[in-house]
N, C-alpha and C. Protein backbone atom coordinates (compact mmCIF):
# COMPACT_ATOMS: atom_id res chain seq x y z
N MET A 1 -151.18 46.98 -63.82
CA MET A 1 -151.26 48.04 -63.28
C MET A 1 -151.94 48.85 -63.86
N GLY A 2 -153.30 49.04 -63.32
CA GLY A 2 -154.47 49.79 -64.08
C GLY A 2 -154.27 51.02 -64.67
N SER A 3 -155.72 51.51 -65.50
CA SER A 3 -155.65 52.79 -66.12
C SER A 3 -156.37 53.78 -64.68
N LEU A 4 -155.51 55.15 -65.13
CA LEU A 4 -156.06 56.15 -64.01
C LEU A 4 -157.24 56.93 -64.72
N LYS A 5 -158.86 57.25 -64.49
CA LYS A 5 -159.87 57.58 -64.56
C LYS A 5 -159.61 59.09 -64.39
N VAL A 6 -159.38 60.31 -64.94
CA VAL A 6 -159.93 61.25 -64.26
C VAL A 6 -160.86 62.17 -65.07
N ASN A 7 -161.75 63.14 -64.09
CA ASN A 7 -162.56 63.85 -64.13
C ASN A 7 -162.98 64.97 -63.72
N ALA A 8 -162.84 66.15 -64.99
CA ALA A 8 -162.48 67.49 -64.13
C ALA A 8 -163.93 67.48 -63.26
N ALA A 9 -164.70 67.35 -63.68
CA ALA A 9 -166.22 67.50 -62.53
C ALA A 9 -165.54 66.72 -61.32
N CYS A 10 -165.01 66.00 -60.84
CA CYS A 10 -165.27 65.20 -60.00
C CYS A 10 -163.70 65.61 -59.20
N LEU A 11 -162.85 66.44 -60.04
CA LEU A 11 -161.95 66.75 -59.44
C LEU A 11 -162.06 68.05 -58.66
N GLU A 12 -162.99 68.72 -59.42
CA GLU A 12 -163.67 70.29 -58.56
C GLU A 12 -164.62 69.81 -57.32
N THR A 13 -164.83 68.55 -57.87
CA THR A 13 -165.64 67.90 -56.76
C THR A 13 -165.31 67.99 -54.75
N LEU A 14 -164.14 66.93 -55.45
CA LEU A 14 -162.94 66.95 -54.43
C LEU A 14 -162.30 68.40 -54.10
N ALA A 15 -162.23 69.22 -54.81
CA ALA A 15 -161.67 70.41 -53.80
C ALA A 15 -162.78 71.22 -53.62
N GLU A 16 -163.93 71.06 -53.83
CA GLU A 16 -165.08 71.60 -52.89
C GLU A 16 -165.15 70.64 -51.68
N LEU A 17 -164.93 69.59 -51.44
CA LEU A 17 -165.29 68.97 -50.29
C LEU A 17 -164.52 69.12 -49.12
N CYS A 18 -162.79 69.76 -50.05
CA CYS A 18 -161.63 70.03 -49.08
C CYS A 18 -161.90 71.41 -48.60
N ARG A 19 -162.28 72.16 -49.76
CA ARG A 19 -163.36 73.91 -48.98
C ARG A 19 -164.00 73.74 -47.82
N SER A 20 -164.63 72.58 -47.61
CA SER A 20 -165.79 72.62 -46.64
C SER A 20 -165.20 71.92 -45.39
N TRP A 21 -164.24 70.75 -46.04
CA TRP A 21 -163.19 70.26 -44.54
C TRP A 21 -162.86 71.54 -44.02
N SER A 22 -162.46 72.33 -44.97
CA SER A 22 -161.42 73.09 -43.96
C SER A 22 -162.12 74.31 -43.46
N GLU A 23 -163.36 74.48 -43.16
CA GLU A 23 -164.11 75.43 -42.66
C GLU A 23 -164.49 74.74 -41.49
N GLU A 24 -165.35 73.68 -41.76
CA GLU A 24 -165.60 72.38 -40.57
C GLU A 24 -164.61 72.49 -39.68
N ALA A 25 -163.14 72.51 -40.10
CA ALA A 25 -162.41 72.59 -38.99
C ALA A 25 -162.46 73.17 -37.77
N GLY A 26 -161.81 74.69 -38.38
CA GLY A 26 -161.84 75.83 -38.22
C GLY A 26 -163.38 75.86 -37.27
N SER A 27 -164.34 75.51 -37.62
CA SER A 27 -165.20 76.16 -36.08
C SER A 27 -165.55 75.02 -35.04
N THR A 28 -164.98 74.05 -35.11
CA THR A 28 -165.28 72.68 -34.22
C THR A 28 -164.64 73.18 -33.00
N ILE A 29 -163.88 74.49 -32.59
CA ILE A 29 -162.62 74.13 -31.34
C ILE A 29 -163.70 75.56 -30.47
N THR A 30 -164.16 74.95 -29.66
CA THR A 30 -164.40 75.67 -28.62
C THR A 30 -164.18 76.77 -27.29
N PRO A 31 -163.06 77.62 -26.93
CA PRO A 31 -162.35 77.91 -26.21
C PRO A 31 -163.41 77.82 -24.76
N VAL A 32 -162.58 77.44 -23.61
CA VAL A 32 -162.73 77.14 -22.45
C VAL A 32 -162.02 78.44 -21.41
N THR A 33 -163.28 79.28 -20.85
CA THR A 33 -162.51 80.18 -19.88
C THR A 33 -162.58 79.59 -18.68
N PRO A 34 -161.38 79.78 -18.11
CA PRO A 34 -160.95 78.94 -16.76
C PRO A 34 -161.83 79.49 -15.48
N GLY A 35 -162.10 78.63 -14.84
CA GLY A 35 -163.00 79.02 -13.84
C GLY A 35 -162.01 79.32 -12.10
N ILE A 36 -162.07 79.82 -11.41
CA ILE A 36 -161.64 80.35 -10.28
C ILE A 36 -160.87 78.71 -9.03
N SER A 37 -161.88 77.80 -9.08
CA SER A 37 -162.01 77.06 -8.16
C SER A 37 -160.54 76.25 -9.11
N VAL A 38 -160.94 76.08 -10.20
CA VAL A 38 -160.01 74.83 -10.49
C VAL A 38 -159.15 75.33 -11.33
N GLN A 39 -158.31 76.34 -11.53
CA GLN A 39 -157.59 77.40 -12.55
C GLN A 39 -156.56 76.36 -13.13
N ALA A 40 -156.05 75.44 -12.28
CA ALA A 40 -154.79 74.31 -13.10
C ALA A 40 -155.49 73.57 -14.02
N SER A 41 -156.42 72.93 -13.62
CA SER A 41 -157.43 71.99 -14.74
C SER A 41 -157.88 72.79 -15.69
N SER A 42 -157.91 74.20 -15.67
CA SER A 42 -158.77 75.36 -16.75
C SER A 42 -157.70 75.47 -17.64
N ALA A 43 -156.18 75.60 -17.36
CA ALA A 43 -155.20 76.11 -17.45
C ALA A 43 -154.83 75.29 -18.78
N ALA A 44 -155.30 73.65 -18.04
CA ALA A 44 -154.19 72.35 -19.25
C ALA A 44 -155.75 72.73 -20.47
N VAL A 45 -156.83 72.18 -19.71
CA VAL A 45 -157.82 72.26 -20.95
C VAL A 45 -157.49 73.70 -22.31
N VAL A 46 -157.50 74.94 -21.08
CA VAL A 46 -157.15 75.53 -22.36
C VAL A 46 -156.15 75.84 -23.61
N ALA A 47 -154.81 75.34 -22.83
CA ALA A 47 -153.58 75.23 -23.66
C ALA A 47 -153.95 73.73 -24.56
N VAL A 48 -154.79 73.14 -24.04
CA VAL A 48 -155.08 71.81 -25.46
C VAL A 48 -156.41 72.57 -25.93
N HIS A 49 -157.06 73.65 -25.82
CA HIS A 49 -157.82 73.39 -27.07
C HIS A 49 -157.21 74.58 -27.69
N ALA A 50 -155.97 75.39 -27.23
CA ALA A 50 -155.33 76.42 -28.47
C ALA A 50 -154.29 75.71 -28.93
N ASN A 51 -153.93 74.29 -28.54
CA ASN A 51 -153.13 73.18 -29.30
C ASN A 51 -154.27 72.87 -30.10
N ALA A 52 -155.46 72.71 -30.11
CA ALA A 52 -156.44 71.92 -31.15
C ALA A 52 -156.58 72.81 -32.22
N ALA A 53 -156.63 74.19 -31.32
CA ALA A 53 -157.77 75.22 -32.50
C ALA A 53 -156.07 75.87 -33.35
N ARG A 54 -154.65 76.27 -32.97
CA ARG A 54 -153.76 75.87 -34.15
C ARG A 54 -153.99 74.82 -35.17
N THR A 55 -153.67 73.45 -34.82
CA THR A 55 -154.20 72.15 -35.36
C THR A 55 -155.04 72.23 -36.62
N ALA A 56 -156.14 72.54 -36.09
CA ALA A 56 -157.42 72.71 -36.96
C ALA A 56 -157.22 73.79 -37.70
N ALA A 57 -156.46 74.74 -37.41
CA ALA A 57 -155.97 76.49 -38.27
C ALA A 57 -155.25 75.20 -39.47
N MET A 58 -153.92 74.83 -38.90
CA MET A 58 -152.88 74.22 -40.15
C MET A 58 -153.67 73.08 -40.90
N LEU A 59 -154.75 72.41 -40.12
CA LEU A 59 -155.41 71.46 -41.04
C LEU A 59 -156.13 72.01 -42.32
N GLY A 60 -156.60 73.25 -41.89
CA GLY A 60 -158.05 73.68 -42.62
C GLY A 60 -156.69 74.20 -43.55
N ALA A 61 -155.88 75.18 -43.38
CA ALA A 61 -155.31 75.93 -44.46
C ALA A 61 -154.49 74.58 -46.01
N ARG A 62 -154.14 73.87 -45.35
CA ARG A 62 -153.57 72.19 -45.95
C ARG A 62 -154.72 71.89 -46.68
N MET A 63 -155.89 71.80 -46.54
CA MET A 63 -157.06 71.32 -47.05
C MET A 63 -157.62 72.70 -48.39
N GLN A 64 -157.28 73.89 -47.73
CA GLN A 64 -157.33 74.54 -48.66
C GLN A 64 -156.53 74.78 -50.03
N GLU A 65 -155.21 74.45 -49.41
CA GLU A 65 -154.45 74.40 -50.35
C GLU A 65 -154.48 73.15 -51.96
N ASN A 66 -154.87 72.11 -50.71
CA ASN A 66 -155.34 71.03 -51.36
C ASN A 66 -156.53 71.42 -52.89
N ALA A 67 -157.12 71.90 -51.81
CA ALA A 67 -158.43 73.01 -52.92
C ALA A 67 -158.29 73.07 -53.68
N ALA A 68 -157.50 74.11 -53.79
CA ALA A 68 -157.00 74.80 -55.08
C ALA A 68 -156.02 74.43 -56.37
N HIS A 69 -155.13 73.27 -55.71
CA HIS A 69 -154.64 72.36 -56.46
C HIS A 69 -155.04 71.32 -57.39
N LEU A 70 -156.15 70.65 -56.24
CA LEU A 70 -157.41 70.08 -56.86
C LEU A 70 -157.80 71.01 -58.59
N SER A 71 -158.82 72.34 -57.93
CA SER A 71 -159.00 72.77 -58.90
C SER A 71 -158.48 73.13 -60.39
N ALA A 72 -156.95 73.49 -60.28
CA ALA A 72 -156.24 73.86 -60.93
C ALA A 72 -156.08 72.28 -62.18
N ALA A 73 -155.77 71.29 -61.07
CA ALA A 73 -155.88 69.87 -62.02
C ALA A 73 -156.94 70.10 -62.95
N GLY A 74 -158.26 70.30 -62.09
CA GLY A 74 -159.48 70.12 -63.09
C GLY A 74 -159.63 70.57 -64.12
N ALA A 75 -158.56 72.30 -64.24
CA ALA A 75 -158.86 73.06 -65.10
C ALA A 75 -157.88 72.43 -66.26
N ALA A 76 -156.97 72.35 -65.69
CA ALA A 76 -156.18 71.75 -67.03
C ALA A 76 -156.34 70.74 -67.62
N PHE A 77 -156.83 69.57 -66.89
CA PHE A 77 -157.41 68.43 -67.35
C PHE A 77 -157.86 68.59 -68.10
N ALA A 78 -158.98 69.60 -67.95
CA ALA A 78 -160.24 70.10 -68.89
C ALA A 78 -159.81 70.86 -70.47
N ASP A 79 -158.41 71.43 -70.06
CA ASP A 79 -157.98 72.29 -71.57
C ASP A 79 -157.32 71.07 -71.94
N ASN A 80 -156.61 69.68 -71.19
CA ASN A 80 -155.37 69.35 -72.21
C ASN A 80 -156.44 68.24 -73.11
N GLU A 81 -157.84 67.71 -72.29
CA GLU A 81 -159.14 67.37 -73.25
C GLU A 81 -159.54 68.00 -74.39
N GLN A 82 -159.46 69.56 -74.04
CA GLN A 82 -159.74 70.48 -75.17
C GLN A 82 -158.82 70.32 -76.65
N ALA A 83 -157.92 70.09 -75.73
CA ALA A 83 -156.64 70.58 -77.02
C ALA A 83 -156.86 69.51 -77.84
N GLY A 84 -156.89 67.86 -76.78
CA GLY A 84 -156.75 66.82 -77.78
C GLY A 84 -157.90 67.27 -79.08
N VAL A 85 -159.10 67.47 -78.12
CA VAL A 85 -160.06 67.41 -79.36
C VAL A 85 -160.20 68.20 -80.39
N ALA A 86 -159.36 68.99 -80.04
CA ALA A 86 -158.60 70.03 -81.11
C ALA A 86 -158.18 69.58 -82.36
N GLY A 87 -156.70 69.34 -81.38
CA GLY A 87 -155.77 67.90 -82.79
C GLY A 87 -156.84 67.49 -83.42
N PHE A 88 -157.51 66.42 -82.98
CA PHE A 88 -158.27 65.21 -83.80
C PHE A 88 -158.91 65.96 -84.65
N ASP A 89 -159.80 66.87 -84.34
CA ASP A 89 -160.41 67.79 -85.21
C ASP A 89 -159.87 68.47 -86.17
N ALA A 90 -158.51 69.00 -86.32
CA ALA A 90 -158.10 69.90 -87.06
C ALA A 90 -157.55 68.48 -88.07
N LEU A 91 -157.32 67.42 -87.61
CA LEU A 91 -156.98 65.86 -88.73
C LEU A 91 -158.18 65.93 -89.70
N GLY A 92 -158.97 66.35 -88.96
CA GLY A 92 -160.32 66.00 -90.01
C GLY A 92 -161.32 64.93 -89.85
N GLY A 93 -161.00 64.20 -88.43
CA GLY A 93 -161.46 63.26 -87.95
C GLY A 93 -162.85 63.19 -86.83
N ALA A 94 -163.49 62.30 -86.76
CA ALA A 94 -164.80 62.22 -85.89
C ALA A 94 -164.53 61.76 -84.78
N ALA A 95 -164.99 62.73 -84.04
CA ALA A 95 -164.94 62.29 -82.42
C ALA A 95 -165.97 61.25 -82.21
N VAL A 96 -165.48 60.12 -81.44
CA VAL A 96 -166.35 59.46 -81.09
C VAL A 96 -166.79 58.88 -79.25
């Protein structure tokens, strides 16, 4: 099994991507106004758009949640790294 390399800045970059994608997901659905001559088809299209809008909102919320978790993980990782450095420094060692 290989080692996991974590970088707090990369976690924050991924969090920003999730935020951006969530905004994109919510802005890509354009509702259709049903016309008189094709009401049955238009109603079906409106229903599909409504389902797509709900799905986009759900995915957007999930991506926002992932972004928050990634930001928190990045901050916790950076804090842990700082604590490790401080502990090492307290021993009188030199950082490499």
